[in-house]
C-alpha atoms as a PDB file:
ATOM      1  CA  MET A   1       0.000   0.000   0.000  1.00  0.00           C
ATOM      2  CA  PRO A   2       1.410   3.434  -0.898  1.00  0.00           C
ATOM      3  CA  THR A   3       2.592   5.774   1.830  1.00  0.00           C
ATOM      4  CA  TYR A   4       1.776   9.471   1.458  1.00  0.00           C
ATOM      5  CA  ARG A   5       3.319  12.285   3.449  1.00  0.00           C
ATOM      6  CA  LEU A   6       1.004  14.950   4.850  1.00  0.00           C
ATOM      7  CA  ARG A   7       2.492  18.269   5.833  1.00  0.00           C
ATOM      8  CA  VAL A   8       0.702  21.193   7.440  1.00  0.00           C
ATOM      9  CA  ALA A   9       2.308  24.641   7.519  1.00  0.00           C
ATOM     10  CA  PRO A  10       1.624  28.376   7.554  1.00  0.00           C
ATOM     11  CA  ARG A  11       1.408  30.053   4.144  1.00  0.00           C
ATOM     12  CA  GLY A  12       2.435  33.649   3.531  1.00  0.00           C
ATOM     13  CA  ARG A  13       0.487  36.241   1.548  1.00  0.00           C
ATOM     14  CA  HIS A  14       2.503  35.613  -1.610  1.00  0.00           C
ATOM     15  CA  GLY A  15       2.225  31.840  -1.545  1.00  0.00           C
ATOM     16  CA  THR A  16       5.426  31.031   0.300  1.00  0.00           C
ATOM     17  CA  VAL A  17       4.859  27.943   2.422  1.00  0.00           C
ATOM     18  CA  GLY A  18       6.669  28.003   5.761  1.00  0.00           C
ATOM     19  CA  ARG A  19       8.276  25.227   7.724  1.00  0.00           C
ATOM     20  CA  ALA A  20       5.950  22.287   8.332  1.00  0.00           C
ATOM     21  CA  LEU A  21       4.233  22.291  11.720  1.00  0.00           C
ATOM     22  CA  ARG A  22       3.107  18.685  11.189  1.00  0.00           C
ATOM     23  CA  ASP A  23       4.684  15.946   9.089  1.00  0.00           C
ATOM     24  CA  VAL A  24       2.694  12.710   9.129  1.00  0.00           C
ATOM     25  CA  GLN A  25       2.863   9.540   7.040  1.00  0.00           C
ATOM     26  CA  ILE A  26      -0.466   8.140   5.868  1.00  0.00           C
ATOM     27  CA  GLU A  27      -0.842   4.697   4.300  1.00  0.00           C
ATOM     28  CA  ALA A  28      -3.733   4.505   1.852  1.00  0.00           C
ATOM     29  CA  PRO A  29      -4.522   2.760  -1.432  1.00  0.00           C
ATOM     30  CA  SER A  30      -5.161   6.073  -3.245  1.00  0.00           C
ATOM     31  CA  VAL A  31      -4.706   9.833  -2.994  1.00  0.00           C
ATOM     32  CA  ARG A  32      -8.447  10.207  -2.451  1.00  0.00           C
ATOM     33  CA  GLN A  33      -8.398   7.891   0.553  1.00  0.00           C
ATOM     34  CA  ALA A  34      -5.218   9.479   1.936  1.00  0.00           C
ATOM     35  CA  SER A  35      -6.806  12.939   1.768  1.00  0.00           C
ATOM     36  CA  ALA A  36      -9.997  11.596   3.391  1.00  0.00           C
ATOM     37  CA  ARG A  37      -7.918  10.148   6.244  1.00  0.00           C
ATOM     38  CA  ALA A  38      -6.148  13.487   6.673  1.00  0.00           C
ATOM     39  CA  LEU A  39      -9.454  15.364   6.789  1.00  0.00           C
ATOM     40  CA  GLY A  40     -10.818  12.798   9.246  1.00  0.00           C
ATOM     41  CA  ARG A  41      -7.989  13.782  11.605  1.00  0.00           C
ATOM     42  CA  ALA A  42      -8.367  17.528  10.990  1.00  0.00           C
ATOM     43  CA  ASP A  43      -8.910  18.455  14.642  1.00  0.00           C
ATOM     44  CA  GLU A  44      -5.699  16.635  15.565  1.00  0.00           C
ATOM     45  CA  LEU A  45      -3.526  17.736  12.618  1.00  0.00           C
ATOM     46  CA  PHE A  46      -4.571  21.294  11.804  1.00  0.00           C
ATOM     47  CA  SER A  47      -4.014  24.289  14.069  1.00  0.00           C
ATOM     48  CA  ASP A  48      -4.709  28.027  14.042  1.00  0.00           C
ATOM     49  CA  GLU A  49      -1.195  28.681  12.712  1.00  0.00           C
ATOM     50  CA  ALA A  50      -1.598  26.227   9.842  1.00  0.00           C
ATOM     51  CA  THR A  51      -3.100  27.716   6.693  1.00  0.00           C
ATOM     52  CA  PHE A  52      -2.009  25.118   4.146  1.00  0.00           C
ATOM     53  CA  ALA A  53      -1.869  21.322   3.994  1.00  0.00           C
ATOM     54  CA  TRP A  54      -0.500  19.074   1.268  1.00  0.00           C
ATOM     55  CA  LEU A  55       0.191  15.450   0.429  1.00  0.00           C
ATOM     56  CA  THR A  56       3.167  14.110  -1.479  1.00  0.00           C
ATOM     57  CA  ASP A  57       3.539  10.630  -2.899  1.00  0.00           C
ATOM     58  CA  GLU A  58       6.462   8.280  -2.323  1.00  0.00           C
ATOM     59  CA  SER A  59       8.460  10.127  -5.011  1.00  0.00           C
ATOM     60  CA  GLY A  60       7.933  13.463  -3.256  1.00  0.00           C
ATOM     61  CA  ASP A  61       5.533  14.774  -5.913  1.00  0.00           C
ATOM     62  CA  LEU A  62       2.686  17.025  -4.800  1.00  0.00           C
ATOM     63  CA  VAL A  63      -0.571  15.079  -5.261  1.00  0.00           C
ATOM     64  CA  TRP A  64      -3.109  17.029  -3.158  1.00  0.00           C
ATOM     65  CA  ALA A  65      -3.245  20.432  -1.509  1.00  0.00           C
ATOM     66  CA  LEU A  66      -5.694  22.236   0.739  1.00  0.00           C
ATOM     67  CA  PRO A  67      -5.597  25.966   1.470  1.00  0.00           C
ATOM     68  CA  ILE A  68      -7.159  26.017   4.926  1.00  0.00           C
ATOM     69  CA  GLU A  69      -8.153  29.677   4.680  1.00  0.00           C
ATOM     70  CA  GLU A  70     -10.689  30.840   2.125  1.00  0.00           C
ATOM     71  CA  ALA A  71      -8.039  32.786   0.225  1.00  0.00           C
ATOM     72  CA  GLU A  72      -7.447  32.198  -3.485  1.00  0.00           C
ATOM     73  CA  PRO A  73      -4.069  30.656  -4.346  1.00  0.00           C
ATOM     74  CA  PRO A  74      -1.471  33.184  -5.506  1.00  0.00           C
ATOM     75  CA  ALA A  75      -1.329  33.793  -9.262  1.00  0.00           C
ATOM     76  CA  GLY A  76       2.310  32.728  -9.589  1.00  0.00           C
ATOM     77  CA  GLY A  77       1.820  29.379  -7.866  1.00  0.00           C
ATOM     78  CA  LEU A  78       3.111  28.200  -4.514  1.00  0.00           C
ATOM     79  CA  ILE A  79       6.723  28.340  -3.414  1.00  0.00           C
ATOM     80  CA  CYS A  80       7.636  25.970  -0.600  1.00  0.00           C
ATOM     81  CA  ALA A  81      10.273  26.723   2.013  1.00  0.00           C
ATOM     82  CA  GLY A  82      12.782  24.706  -0.047  1.00  0.00           C
ATOM     83  CA  GLY A  83      12.327  27.113  -2.967  1.00  0.00           C
ATOM     84  CA  HIS A  84      10.396  24.695  -5.201  1.00  0.00           C
ATOM     85  CA  ARG A  85       7.561  26.237  -7.224  1.00  0.00           C
ATOM     86  CA  HIS A  86       4.269  24.344  -7.535  1.00  0.00           C
ATOM     87  CA  ALA A  87       1.415  25.319  -9.837  1.00  0.00           C
ATOM     88  CA  ALA A  88      -1.498  27.042  -8.124  1.00  0.00           C
ATOM     89  CA  MET A  89      -4.407  24.693  -7.482  1.00  0.00           C
ATOM     90  CA  GLY A  90      -7.464  26.881  -7.923  1.00  0.00           C
ATOM     91  CA  ARG A  91     -11.091  26.046  -7.377  1.00  0.00           C
ATOM     92  CA  ARG A  92     -12.890  24.261 -10.181  1.00  0.00           C
END
């Protein structure tokens, strides 16, 4: 069964994602089930300081993201603390 990595962190006004406040491994057969398990533990995993959560797969690729505030993602995409740029995941 694949292992996903959930991270929860603050996100700045311009999309910069800060250092992870939580870093949890989640085993699940699919991204959908991994995200459902993360949301099922929301009270435990998310905090007032955390404004962004994301899952990566075993290769480290971003597979799911959740802006916890109702803000729109920044136009230029998201830049994580490591300097990697990820495409903005807007509402559909």
